[in-house]
Amino acid sequence: IAASLYLRNAADEQVQELPLVFQINDYWTVEHTFTEMGKHS
């Protein structure tokens, strides 16, 4: 299987896809550093 995180920017509504990385026991993660204020979806 594959999985991705989707982030919608609060300011311009642009959507960014970040592929999740498998870790162990069906646990997946990805890190993101935020640079803009606001409520991101």
PDB file of all heavy atoms in Angstrom:
ATOM      1  N   ILE A   1       0.846  -1.186   0.000  1.00  0.00           N
ATOM      2  CA  ILE A   1       0.000   0.000   0.000  1.00  0.00           C
ATOM      3  C   ILE A   1       0.881   1.236   0.000  1.00  0.00           C
ATOM      4  O   ILE A   1       2.094   1.169   0.247  1.00  0.00           O
ATOM      5  CB  ILE A   1      -0.954   0.030   1.214  1.00  0.00           C
ATOM      6  CG1 ILE A   1      -0.142   0.109   2.518  1.00  0.00           C
ATOM      7  CG2 ILE A   1      -1.874  -1.173   1.227  1.00  0.00           C
ATOM      8  CD1 ILE A   1      -1.014   0.338   3.744  1.00  0.00           C
ATOM      9  N   ALA A   2       0.291   2.368  -0.289  1.00  0.00           N
ATOM     10  CA  ALA A   2       0.979   3.651  -0.238  1.00  0.00           C
ATOM     11  C   ALA A   2       0.068   4.650   0.457  1.00  0.00           C
ATOM     12  O   ALA A   2      -1.150   4.460   0.518  1.00  0.00           O
ATOM     13  CB  ALA A   2       1.349   4.128  -1.642  1.00  0.00           C
ATOM     14  N   ALA A   3       0.650   5.695   1.003  1.00  0.00           N
ATOM     15  CA  ALA A   3      -0.136   6.702   1.712  1.00  0.00           C
ATOM     16  C   ALA A   3       0.544   8.052   1.606  1.00  0.00           C
ATOM     17  O   ALA A   3       1.775   8.143   1.489  1.00  0.00           O
ATOM     18  CB  ALA A   3      -0.306   6.306   3.183  1.00  0.00           C
ATOM     19  N   SER A   4      -0.256   9.104   1.646  1.00  0.00           N
ATOM     20  CA  SER A   4       0.263  10.471   1.568  1.00  0.00           C
ATOM     21  C   SER A   4      -0.486  11.378   2.526  1.00  0.00           C
ATOM     22  O   SER A   4      -1.673  11.166   2.821  1.00  0.00           O
ATOM     23  CB  SER A   4       0.124  11.034   0.148  1.00  0.00           C
ATOM     24  OG  SER A   4       1.084  10.492  -0.726  1.00  0.00           O
ATOM     25  N   LEU A   5       0.237  12.384   3.006  1.00  0.00           N
ATOM     26  CA  LEU A   5      -0.354  13.481   3.762  1.00  0.00           C
ATOM     27  C   LEU A   5      -0.664  14.609   2.794  1.00  0.00           C
ATOM     28  O   LEU A   5       0.158  14.938   1.925  1.00  0.00           O
ATOM     29  CB  LEU A   5       0.634  13.974   4.829  1.00  0.00           C
ATOM     30  CG  LEU A   5       0.284  15.303   5.507  1.00  0.00           C
ATOM     31  CD1 LEU A   5      -0.856  15.133   6.493  1.00  0.00           C
ATOM     32  CD2 LEU A   5       1.512  15.896   6.209  1.00  0.00           C
ATOM     33  N   TYR A   6      -1.834  15.201   2.936  1.00  0.00           N
ATOM     34  CA  TYR A   6      -2.205  16.361   2.126  1.00  0.00           C
ATOM     35  C   TYR A   6      -2.376  17.564   3.045  1.00  0.00           C
ATOM     36  O   TYR A   6      -3.097  17.493   4.045  1.00  0.00           O
ATOM     37  CB  TYR A   6      -3.492  16.093   1.352  1.00  0.00           C
ATOM     38  CG  TYR A   6      -3.301  15.112   0.213  1.00  0.00           C
ATOM     39  CD1 TYR A   6      -3.378  13.744   0.439  1.00  0.00           C
ATOM     40  CD2 TYR A   6      -3.012  15.555  -1.073  1.00  0.00           C
ATOM     41  CE1 TYR A   6      -3.180  12.832  -0.581  1.00  0.00           C
ATOM     42  CE2 TYR A   6      -2.810  14.652  -2.108  1.00  0.00           C
ATOM     43  CZ  TYR A   6      -2.899  13.295  -1.857  1.00  0.00           C
ATOM     44  OH  TYR A   6      -2.694  12.407  -2.884  1.00  0.00           O
ATOM     45  N   LEU A   7      -1.696  18.652   2.700  1.00  0.00           N
ATOM     46  CA  LEU A   7      -1.760  19.893   3.471  1.00  0.00           C
ATOM     47  C   LEU A   7      -2.352  20.988   2.599  1.00  0.00           C
ATOM     48  O   LEU A   7      -1.860  21.252   1.496  1.00  0.00           O
ATOM     49  CB  LEU A   7      -0.362  20.321   3.920  1.00  0.00           C
ATOM     50  CG  LEU A   7       0.262  19.602   5.113  1.00  0.00           C
ATOM     51  CD1 LEU A   7       1.739  19.961   5.227  1.00  0.00           C
ATOM     52  CD2 LEU A   7      -0.458  19.967   6.401  1.00  0.00           C
ATOM     53  N   ARG A   8      -3.413  21.624   3.100  1.00  0.00           N
ATOM     54  CA  ARG A   8      -3.976  22.775   2.390  1.00  0.00           C
ATOM     55  C   ARG A   8      -3.551  24.040   3.117  1.00  0.00           C
ATOM     56  O   ARG A   8      -3.859  24.239   4.283  1.00  0.00           O
ATOM     57  CB  ARG A   8      -5.501  22.703   2.316  1.00  0.00           C
ATOM     58  CG  ARG A   8      -6.089  23.934   1.596  1.00  0.00           C
ATOM     59  CD  ARG A   8      -7.596  23.951   1.559  1.00  0.00           C
ATOM     60  NE  ARG A   8      -8.118  22.947   0.666  1.00  0.00           N
ATOM     61  CZ  ARG A   8      -8.882  21.924   1.043  1.00  0.00           C
ATOM     62  NH1 ARG A   8      -9.169  21.763   2.328  1.00  0.00           N
ATOM     63  NH2 ARG A   8      -9.334  21.062   0.169  1.00  0.00           N
ATOM     64  N   ASN A   9      -2.813  24.892   2.414  1.00  0.00           N
ATOM     65  CA  ASN A   9      -2.300  26.129   2.992  1.00  0.00           C
ATOM     66  C   ASN A   9      -3.443  27.069   3.352  1.00  0.00           C
ATOM     67  O   ASN A   9      -4.391  27.234   2.584  1.00  0.00           O
ATOM     68  CB  ASN A   9      -1.347  26.800   2.002  1.00  0.00           C
ATOM     69  CG  ASN A   9      -0.635  27.976   2.607  1.00  0.00           C
ATOM     70  OD1 ASN A   9      -1.220  29.021   2.832  1.00  0.00           O
ATOM     71  ND2 ASN A   9       0.652  27.825   2.863  1.00  0.00           N
ATOM     72  N   ALA A  10      -3.345  27.674   4.523  1.00  0.00           N
ATOM     73  CA  ALA A  10      -4.413  28.554   4.995  1.00  0.00           C
ATOM     74  C   ALA A  10      -4.544  29.807   4.147  1.00  0.00           C
ATOM     75  O   ALA A  10      -5.641  30.354   3.989  1.00  0.00           O
ATOM     76  CB  ALA A  10      -4.148  28.943   6.453  1.00  0.00           C
ATOM     77  N   ALA A  11      -3.436  30.276   3.583  1.00  0.00           N
ATOM     78  CA  ALA A  11      -3.460  31.566   2.889  1.00  0.00           C
ATOM     79  C   ALA A  11      -3.968  31.455   1.458  1.00  0.00           C
ATOM     80  O   ALA A  11      -4.869  32.181   1.042  1.00  0.00           O
ATOM     81  CB  ALA A  11      -2.061  32.192   2.908  1.00  0.00           C
ATOM     82  N   ASP A  12      -3.396  30.531   0.682  1.00  0.00           N
ATOM     83  CA  ASP A  12      -3.715  30.501  -0.748  1.00  0.00           C
ATOM     84  C   ASP A  12      -4.474  29.255  -1.185  1.00  0.00           C
ATOM     85  O   ASP A  12      -4.724  29.060  -2.383  1.00  0.00           O
ATOM     86  CB  ASP A  12      -2.430  30.622  -1.570  1.00  0.00           C
ATOM     87  CG  ASP A  12      -1.403  29.543  -1.224  1.00  0.00           C
ATOM     88  OD1 ASP A  12      -1.795  28.517  -0.629  1.00  0.00           O
ATOM     89  OD2 ASP A  12      -0.215  29.728  -1.547  1.00  0.00           O
ATOM     90  N   GLU A  13      -4.856  28.397  -0.212  1.00  0.00           N
ATOM     91  CA  GLU A  13      -5.641  27.193  -0.513  1.00  0.00           C
ATOM     92  C   GLU A  13      -4.892  26.182  -1.366  1.00  0.00           C
ATOM     93  O   GLU A  13      -5.489  25.219  -1.861  1.00  0.00           O
ATOM     94  CB  GLU A  13      -6.973  27.567  -1.194  1.00  0.00           C
ATOM     95  CG  GLU A  13      -7.934  28.327  -0.304  1.00  0.00           C
ATOM     96  CD  GLU A  13      -8.474  27.478   0.847  1.00  0.00           C
ATOM     97  OE1 GLU A  13      -8.996  26.392   0.586  1.00  0.00           O
ATOM     98  OE2 GLU A  13      -8.351  27.906   2.002  1.00  0.00           O
ATOM     99  N   GLN A  14      -3.601  26.378  -1.572  1.00  0.00           N
ATOM    100  CA  GLN A  14      -2.826  25.410  -2.333  1.00  0.00           C
ATOM    101  C   GLN A  14      -2.667  24.120  -1.531  1.00  0.00           C
ATOM    102  O   GLN A  14      -2.463  24.150  -0.314  1.00  0.00           O
ATOM    103  CB  GLN A  14      -1.440  25.980  -2.678  1.00  0.00           C
ATOM    104  CG  GLN A  14      -1.478  27.135  -3.671  1.00  0.00           C
ATOM    105  CD  GLN A  14      -1.981  26.704  -5.029  1.00  0.00           C
ATOM    106  OE1 GLN A  14      -1.517  25.714  -5.590  1.00  0.00           O
ATOM    107  NE2 GLN A  14      -2.947  27.444  -5.554  1.00  0.00           N
ATOM    108  N   VAL A  15      -2.755  22.975  -2.214  1.00  0.00           N
ATOM    109  CA  VAL A  15      -2.644  21.679  -1.563  1.00  0.00           C
ATOM    110  C   VAL A  15      -1.302  21.043  -1.907  1.00  0.00           C
ATOM    111  O   VAL A  15      -0.900  20.999  -3.070  1.00  0.00           O
ATOM    112  CB  VAL A  15      -3.795  20.744  -1.986  1.00  0.00           C
ATOM    113  CG1 VAL A  15      -3.601  19.357  -1.368  1.00  0.00           C
ATOM    114  CG2 VAL A  15      -5.136  21.325  -1.566  1.00  0.00           C
ATOM    115  N   GLN A  16      -0.611  20.587  -0.884  1.00  0.00           N
ATOM    116  CA  GLN A  16       0.692  19.950  -1.043  1.00  0.00           C
ATOM    117  C   GLN A  16       0.594  18.489  -0.623  1.00  0.00           C
ATOM    118  O   GLN A  16       0.005  18.170   0.414  1.00  0.00           O
ATOM    119  CB  GLN A  16       1.730  20.679  -0.183  1.00  0.00           C
ATOM    120  CG  GLN A  16       3.133  20.109  -0.251  1.00  0.00           C
ATOM    121  CD  GLN A  16       4.104  20.865   0.638  1.00  0.00           C
ATOM    122  OE1 GLN A  16       3.714  21.736   1.408  1.00  0.00           O
ATOM    123  NE2 GLN A  16       5.380  20.521   0.541  1.00  0.00           N
ATOM    124  N   GLU A  17       1.146  17.591  -1.434  1.00  0.00           N
ATOM    125  CA  GLU A  17       1.166  16.169  -1.098  1.00  0.00           C
ATOM    126  C   GLU A  17       2.547  15.780  -0.591  1.00  0.00           C
ATOM    127  O   GLU A  17       3.557  16.079  -1.216  1.00  0.00           O
ATOM    128  CB  GLU A  17       0.820  15.304  -2.312  1.00  0.00           C
ATOM    129  CG  GLU A  17       0.867  13.802  -2.009  1.00  0.00           C
ATOM    130  CD  GLU A  17       0.624  12.924  -3.225  1.00  0.00           C
ATOM    131  OE1 GLU A  17       0.466  13.471  -4.334  1.00  0.00           O
ATOM    132  OE2 GLU A  17       0.593  11.688  -3.057  1.00  0.00           O
ATOM    133  N   LEU A  18       2.570  15.110   0.576  1.00  0.00           N
ATOM    134  CA  LEU A  18       3.816  14.617   1.154  1.00  0.00           C
ATOM    135  C   LEU A  18       3.676  13.117   1.375  1.00  0.00           C
ATOM    136  O   LEU A  18       2.874  12.676   2.211  1.00  0.00           O
ATOM    137  CB  LEU A  18       4.103  15.309   2.496  1.00  0.00           C
ATOM    138  CG  LEU A  18       4.279  16.830   2.471  1.00  0.00           C
ATOM    139  CD1 LEU A  18       4.392  17.358   3.888  1.00  0.00           C
ATOM    140  CD2 LEU A  18       5.497  17.219   1.661  1.00  0.00           C
ATOM    141  N   PRO A  19       4.412  12.288   0.615  1.00  0.00           N
ATOM    142  CA  PRO A  19       4.310  10.847   0.800  1.00  0.00           C
ATOM    143  C   PRO A  19       4.695  10.434   2.218  1.00  0.00           C
ATOM    144  O   PRO A  19       5.708  10.890   2.765  1.00  0.00           O
ATOM    145  CB  PRO A  19       5.295  10.284  -0.229  1.00  0.00           C
ATOM    146  CG  PRO A  19       5.415  11.359  -1.267  1.00  0.00           C
ATOM    147  CD  PRO A  19       5.307  12.649  -0.505  1.00  0.00           C
ATOM    148  N   LEU A  20       3.879   9.591   2.817  1.00  0.00           N
ATOM    149  CA  LEU A  20       4.196   9.046   4.128  1.00  0.00           C
ATOM    150  C   LEU A  20       5.225   7.928   3.990  1.00  0.00           C
ATOM    151  O   LEU A  20       5.276   7.238   2.966  1.00  0.00           O
ATOM    152  CB  LEU A  20       2.939   8.495   4.798  1.00  0.00           C
ATOM    153  CG  LEU A  20       1.940   9.539   5.319  1.00  0.00           C
ATOM    154  CD1 LEU A  20       0.601   8.894   5.589  1.00  0.00           C
ATOM    155  CD2 LEU A  20       2.458  10.187   6.586  1.00  0.00           C
ATOM    156  N   VAL A  21       6.031   7.755   5.035  1.00  0.00           N
ATOM    157  CA  VAL A  21       7.087   6.747   5.033  1.00  0.00           C
ATOM    158  C   VAL A  21       6.737   5.668   6.052  1.00  0.00           C
ATOM    159  O   VAL A  21       6.456   5.963   7.220  1.00  0.00           O
ATOM    160  CB  VAL A  21       8.454   7.371   5.374  1.00  0.00           C
ATOM    161  CG1 VAL A  21       9.536   6.294   5.406  1.00  0.00           C
ATOM    162  CG2 VAL A  21       8.801   8.462   4.370  1.00  0.00           C
ATOM    163  N   PHE A  22       6.759   4.406   5.612  1.00  0.00           N
ATOM    164  CA  PHE A  22       6.481   3.284   6.505  1.00  0.00           C
ATOM    165  C   PHE A  22       7.583   3.165   7.551  1.00  0.00           C
ATOM    166  O   PHE A  22       8.768   3.230   7.235  1.00  0.00           O
ATOM    167  CB  PHE A  22       6.382   1.986   5.695  1.00  0.00           C
ATOM    168  CG  PHE A  22       6.226   0.762   6.551  1.00  0.00           C
ATOM    169  CD1 PHE A  22       4.991   0.422   7.081  1.00  0.00           C
ATOM    170  CD2 PHE A  22       7.318  -0.048   6.842  1.00  0.00           C
ATOM    171  CE1 PHE A  22       4.838  -0.712   7.882  1.00  0.00           C
ATOM    172  CE2 PHE A  22       7.181  -1.178   7.629  1.00  0.00           C
ATOM    173  CZ  PHE A  22       5.942  -1.510   8.155  1.00  0.00           C
ATOM    174  N   GLN A  23       7.183   2.984   8.809  1.00  0.00           N
ATOM    175  CA  GLN A  23       8.155   2.827   9.889  1.00  0.00           C
ATOM    176  C   GLN A  23       8.179   1.390  10.398  1.00  0.00           C
ATOM    177  O   GLN A  23       9.119   0.650  10.172  1.00  0.00           O
ATOM    178  CB  GLN A  23       7.828   3.797  11.043  1.00  0.00           C
ATOM    179  CG  GLN A  23       7.828   5.257  10.643  1.00  0.00           C
ATOM    180  CD  GLN A  23       9.193   5.754  10.192  1.00  0.00           C
ATOM    181  OE1 GLN A  23      10.227   5.256  10.624  1.00  0.00           O
ATOM    182  NE2 GLN A  23       9.200   6.752   9.310  1.00  0.00           N
ATOM    183  N   ILE A  24       7.107   0.970  11.071  1.00  0.00           N
ATOM    184  CA  ILE A  24       7.027  -0.379  11.628  1.00  0.00           C
ATOM    185  C   ILE A  24       5.586  -0.654  12.021  1.00  0.00           C
ATOM    186  O   ILE A  24       4.836   0.270  12.389  1.00  0.00           O
ATOM    187  CB  ILE A  24       7.965  -0.521  12.859  1.00  0.00           C
ATOM    188  CG1 ILE A  24       8.040  -1.977  13.308  1.00  0.00           C
ATOM    189  CG2 ILE A  24       7.505   0.377  14.000  1.00  0.00           C
ATOM    190  CD1 ILE A  24       9.085  -2.217  14.412  1.00  0.00           C
ATOM    191  N   ASN A  25       5.159  -1.904  11.888  1.00  0.00           N
ATOM    192  CA  ASN A  25       3.837  -2.321  12.362  1.00  0.00           C
ATOM    193  C   ASN A  25       2.709  -1.423  11.849  1.00  0.00           C
ATOM    194  O   ASN A  25       1.875  -0.935  12.619  1.00  0.00           O
ATOM    195  CB  ASN A  25       3.802  -2.361  13.893  1.00  0.00           C
ATOM    196  CG  ASN A  25       4.634  -3.493  14.448  1.00  0.00           C
ATOM    197  OD1 ASN A  25       4.941  -4.462  13.750  1.00  0.00           O
ATOM    198  ND2 ASN A  25       5.025  -3.379  15.708  1.00  0.00           N
ATOM    199  N   ASP A  26       2.710  -1.167  10.534  1.00  0.00           N
ATOM    200  CA  ASP A  26       1.663  -0.378   9.878  1.00  0.00           C
ATOM    201  C   ASP A  26       1.636   1.077  10.326  1.00  0.00           C
ATOM    202  O   ASP A  26       0.629   1.775  10.143  1.00  0.00           O
ATOM    203  CB  ASP A  26       0.274  -1.016  10.098  1.00  0.00           C
ATOM    204  CG  ASP A  26       0.194  -2.427   9.541  1.00  0.00           C
ATOM    205  OD1 ASP A  26       0.655  -2.627   8.403  1.00  0.00           O
ATOM    206  OD2 ASP A  26      -0.318  -3.318  10.240  1.00  0.00           O
ATOM    207  N   TYR A  27       2.722   1.541  10.914  1.00  0.00           N
ATOM    208  CA  TYR A  27       2.835   2.927  11.390  1.00  0.00           C
ATOM    209  C   TYR A  27       3.613   3.734  10.352  1.00  0.00           C
ATOM    210  O   TYR A  27       4.724   3.370   9.965  1.00  0.00           O
ATOM    211  CB  TYR A  27       3.541   2.951  12.745  1.00  0.00           C
ATOM    212  CG  TYR A  27       3.758   4.312  13.337  1.00  0.00           C
ATOM    213  CD1 TYR A  27       2.684   5.087  13.777  1.00  0.00           C
ATOM    214  CD2 TYR A  27       5.045   4.829  13.478  1.00  0.00           C
ATOM    215  CE1 TYR A  27       2.890   6.338  14.342  1.00  0.00           C
ATOM    216  CE2 TYR A  27       5.261   6.069  14.040  1.00  0.00           C
ATOM    217  CZ  TYR A  27       4.181   6.825  14.471  1.00  0.00           C
ATOM    218  OH  TYR A  27       4.395   8.065  15.019  1.00  0.00           O
ATOM    219  N   TRP A  28       3.017   4.834   9.892  1.00  0.00           N
ATOM    220  CA  TRP A  28       3.589   5.657   8.829  1.00  0.00           C
ATOM    221  C   TRP A  28       3.747   7.091   9.327  1.00  0.00           C
ATOM    222  O   TRP A  28       2.916   7.590  10.087  1.00  0.00           O
ATOM    223  CB  TRP A  28       2.673   5.670   7.606  1.00  0.00           C
ATOM    224  CG  TRP A  28       2.441   4.341   6.957  1.00  0.00           C
ATOM    225  CD1 TRP A  28       1.801   3.261   7.490  1.00  0.00           C
ATOM    226  CD2 TRP A  28       2.839   3.952   5.633  1.00  0.00           C
ATOM    227  NE1 TRP A  28       1.773   2.220   6.594  1.00  0.00           N
ATOM    228  CE2 TRP A  28       2.395   2.626   5.439  1.00  0.00           C
ATOM    229  CE3 TRP A  28       3.511   4.595   4.589  1.00  0.00           C
ATOM    230  CZ2 TRP A  28       2.607   1.927   4.251  1.00  0.00           C
ATOM    231  CZ3 TRP A  28       3.716   3.915   3.407  1.00  0.00           C
ATOM    232  CH2 TRP A  28       3.275   2.593   3.241  1.00  0.00           C
ATOM    233  N   THR A  29       4.804   7.773   8.886  1.00  0.00           N
ATOM    234  CA  THR A  29       5.040   9.152   9.322  1.00  0.00           C
ATOM    235  C   THR A  29       5.606  10.002   8.191  1.00  0.00           C
ATOM    236  O   THR A  29       6.155   9.478   7.215  1.00  0.00           O
ATOM    237  CB  THR A  29       6.041   9.217  10.494  1.00  0.00           C
ATOM    238  OG1 THR A  29       7.326   8.795  10.033  1.00  0.00           O
ATOM    239  CG2 THR A  29       5.593   8.371  11.661  1.00  0.00           C
ATOM    240  N   VAL A  30       5.496  11.315   8.380  1.00  0.00           N
ATOM    241  CA  VAL A  30       6.200  12.287   7.548  1.00  0.00           C
ATOM    242  C   VAL A  30       6.298  13.577   8.359  1.00  0.00           C
ATOM    243  O   VAL A  30       5.413  13.876   9.171  1.00  0.00           O
ATOM    244  CB  VAL A  30       5.479  12.533   6.205  1.00  0.00           C
ATOM    245  CG1 VAL A  30       4.133  13.234   6.418  1.00  0.00           C
ATOM    246  CG2 VAL A  30       6.354  13.363   5.262  1.00  0.00           C
ATOM    247  N   GLU A  31       7.375  14.325   8.178  1.00  0.00           N
ATOM    248  CA  GLU A  31       7.568  15.588   8.895  1.00  0.00           C
ATOM    249  C   GLU A  31       7.408  16.762   7.948  1.00  0.00           C
ATOM    250  O   GLU A  31       7.705  16.666   6.747  1.00  0.00           O
ATOM    251  CB  GLU A  31       8.950  15.636   9.549  1.00  0.00           C
ATOM    252  CG  GLU A  31       9.117  14.668  10.709  1.00  0.00           C
ATOM    253  CD  GLU A  31      10.447  14.853  11.424  1.00  0.00           C
ATOM    254  OE1 GLU A  31      11.372  15.438  10.814  1.00  0.00           O
ATOM    255  OE2 GLU A  31      10.566  14.423  12.586  1.00  0.00           O
ATOM    256  N   HIS A  32       6.927  17.867   8.516  1.00  0.00           N
ATOM    257  CA  HIS A  32       6.772  19.089   7.724  1.00  0.00           C
ATOM    258  C   HIS A  32       7.082  20.285   8.612  1.00  0.00           C
ATOM    259  O   HIS A  32       6.653  20.349   9.769  1.00  0.00           O
ATOM    260  CB  HIS A  32       5.355  19.212   7.174  1.00  0.00           C
ATOM    261  CG  HIS A  32       5.129  20.460   6.370  1.00  0.00           C
ATOM    262  ND1 HIS A  32       5.658  20.636   5.110  1.00  0.00           N
ATOM    263  CD2 HIS A  32       4.448  21.606   6.656  1.00  0.00           C
ATOM    264  CE1 HIS A  32       5.301  21.815   4.643  1.00  0.00           C
ATOM    265  NE2 HIS A  32       4.569  22.421   5.565  1.00  0.00           N
ATOM    266  N   THR A  33       7.822  21.246   8.075  1.00  0.00           N
ATOM    267  CA  THR A  33       8.148  22.482   8.783  1.00  0.00           C
ATOM    268  C   THR A  33       7.261  23.601   8.258  1.00  0.00           C
ATOM    269  O   THR A  33       7.231  23.877   7.052  1.00  0.00           O
ATOM    270  CB  THR A  33       9.626  22.857   8.602  1.00  0.00           C
ATOM    271  OG1 THR A  33      10.439  21.775   9.080  1.00  0.00           O
ATOM    272  CG2 THR A  33       9.970  24.127   9.371  1.00  0.00           C
ATOM    273  N   PHE A  34       6.552  24.255   9.154  1.00  0.00           N
ATOM    274  CA  PHE A  34       5.600  25.289   8.763  1.00  0.00           C
ATOM    275  C   PHE A  34       6.264  26.668   8.737  1.00  0.00           C
ATOM    276  O   PHE A  34       7.056  27.013   9.619  1.00  0.00           O
ATOM    277  CB  PHE A  34       4.414  25.313   9.731  1.00  0.00           C
ATOM    278  CG  PHE A  34       3.491  24.151   9.555  1.00  0.00           C
ATOM    279  CD1 PHE A  34       3.662  22.981  10.295  1.00  0.00           C
ATOM    280  CD2 PHE A  34       2.454  24.205   8.642  1.00  0.00           C
ATOM    281  CE1 PHE A  34       2.816  21.910  10.135  1.00  0.00           C
ATOM    282  CE2 PHE A  34       1.598  23.130   8.469  1.00  0.00           C
ATOM    283  CZ  PHE A  34       1.780  21.981   9.211  1.00  0.00           C
ATOM    284  N   THR A  35       5.917  27.434   7.720  1.00  0.00           N
ATOM    285  CA  THR A  35       6.519  28.762   7.542  1.00  0.00           C
ATOM    286  C   THR A  35       5.484  29.875   7.471  1.00  0.00           C
ATOM    287  O   THR A  35       5.854  31.038   7.390  1.00  0.00           O
ATOM    288  CB  THR A  35       7.363  28.796   6.258  1.00  0.00           C
ATOM    289  OG1 THR A  35       6.533  28.467   5.131  1.00  0.00           O
ATOM    290  CG2 THR A  35       8.521  27.809   6.342  1.00  0.00           C
ATOM    291  N   GLU A  36       4.188  29.532   7.508  1.00  0.00           N
ATOM    292  CA  GLU A  36       3.148  30.549   7.393  1.00  0.00           C
ATOM    293  C   GLU A  36       2.097  30.361   8.486  1.00  0.00           C
ATOM    294  O   GLU A  36       1.714  29.241   8.814  1.00  0.00           O
ATOM    295  CB  GLU A  36       2.473  30.477   6.019  1.00  0.00           C
ATOM    296  CG  GLU A  36       3.410  30.799   4.857  1.00  0.00           C
ATOM    297  CD  GLU A  36       2.683  30.808   3.532  1.00  0.00           C
ATOM    298  OE1 GLU A  36       1.444  30.681   3.534  1.00  0.00           O
ATOM    299  OE2 GLU A  36       3.343  30.919   2.490  1.00  0.00           O
ATOM    300  N   MET A  37       1.610  31.491   9.034  1.00  0.00           N
ATOM    301  CA  MET A  37       0.572  31.457  10.053  1.00  0.00           C
ATOM    302  C   MET A  37      -0.771  31.087   9.430  1.00  0.00           C
ATOM    303  O   MET A  37      -0.984  31.206   8.230  1.00  0.00           O
ATOM    304  CB  MET A  37       0.462  32.824  10.743  1.00  0.00           C
ATOM    305  CG  MET A  37       1.638  33.174  11.636  1.00  0.00           C
ATOM    306  SD  MET A  37       1.536  34.860  12.298  1.00  0.00           S
ATOM    307  CE  MET A  37      -0.054  34.844  13.141  1.00  0.00           C
ATOM    308  N   GLY A  38      -1.679  30.641  10.290  1.00  0.00           N
ATOM    309  CA  GLY A  38      -3.033  30.360   9.845  1.00  0.00           C
ATOM    310  C   GLY A  38      -3.459  28.952  10.170  1.00  0.00           C
ATOM    311  O   GLY A  38      -2.663  28.113  10.601  1.00  0.00           O
ATOM    312  N   LYS A  39      -4.745  28.658   9.924  1.00  0.00           N
ATOM    313  CA  LYS A  39      -5.276  27.327  10.142  1.00  0.00           C
ATOM    314  C   LYS A  39      -5.141  26.518   8.857  1.00  0.00           C
ATOM    315  O   LYS A  39      -5.850  26.762   7.879  1.00  0.00           O
ATOM    316  CB  LYS A  39      -6.733  27.405  10.591  1.00  0.00           C
ATOM    317  CG  LYS A  39      -6.911  27.867  12.026  1.00  0.00           C
ATOM    318  CD  LYS A  39      -8.364  27.826  12.460  1.00  0.00           C
ATOM    319  CE  LYS A  39      -8.513  28.266  13.922  1.00  0.00           C
ATOM    320  NZ  LYS A  39      -9.926  28.276  14.351  1.00  0.00           N
ATOM    321  N   HIS A  40      -4.237  25.565   8.878  1.00  0.00           N
ATOM    322  CA  HIS A  40      -4.002  24.703   7.734  1.00  0.00           C
ATOM    323  C   HIS A  40      -4.838  23.430   7.890  1.00  0.00           C
ATOM    324  O   HIS A  40      -4.942  22.880   8.987  1.00  0.00           O
ATOM    325  CB  HIS A  40      -2.523  24.324   7.631  1.00  0.00           C
ATOM    326  CG  HIS A  40      -1.617  25.510   7.501  1.00  0.00           C
ATOM    327  ND1 HIS A  40      -0.967  25.836   6.332  1.00  0.00           N
ATOM    328  CD2 HIS A  40      -1.255  26.462   8.395  1.00  0.00           C
ATOM    329  CE1 HIS A  40      -0.243  26.917   6.510  1.00  0.00           C
ATOM    330  NE2 HIS A  40      -0.399  27.321   7.762  1.00  0.00           N
ATOM    331  N   SER A  41      -5.415  22.965   6.789  1.00  0.00           N
ATOM    332  CA  SER A  41      -6.153  21.715   6.797  1.00  0.00           C
ATOM    333  C   SER A  41      -5.221  20.572   6.397  1.00  0.00           C
ATOM    334  O   SER A  41      -4.287  20.775   5.617  1.00  0.00           O
ATOM    335  CB  SER A  41      -7.334  21.768   5.825  1.00  0.00           C
ATOM    336  OG  SER A  41      -8.220  22.814   6.165  1.00  0.00           O
TER     337      SER A  41
END
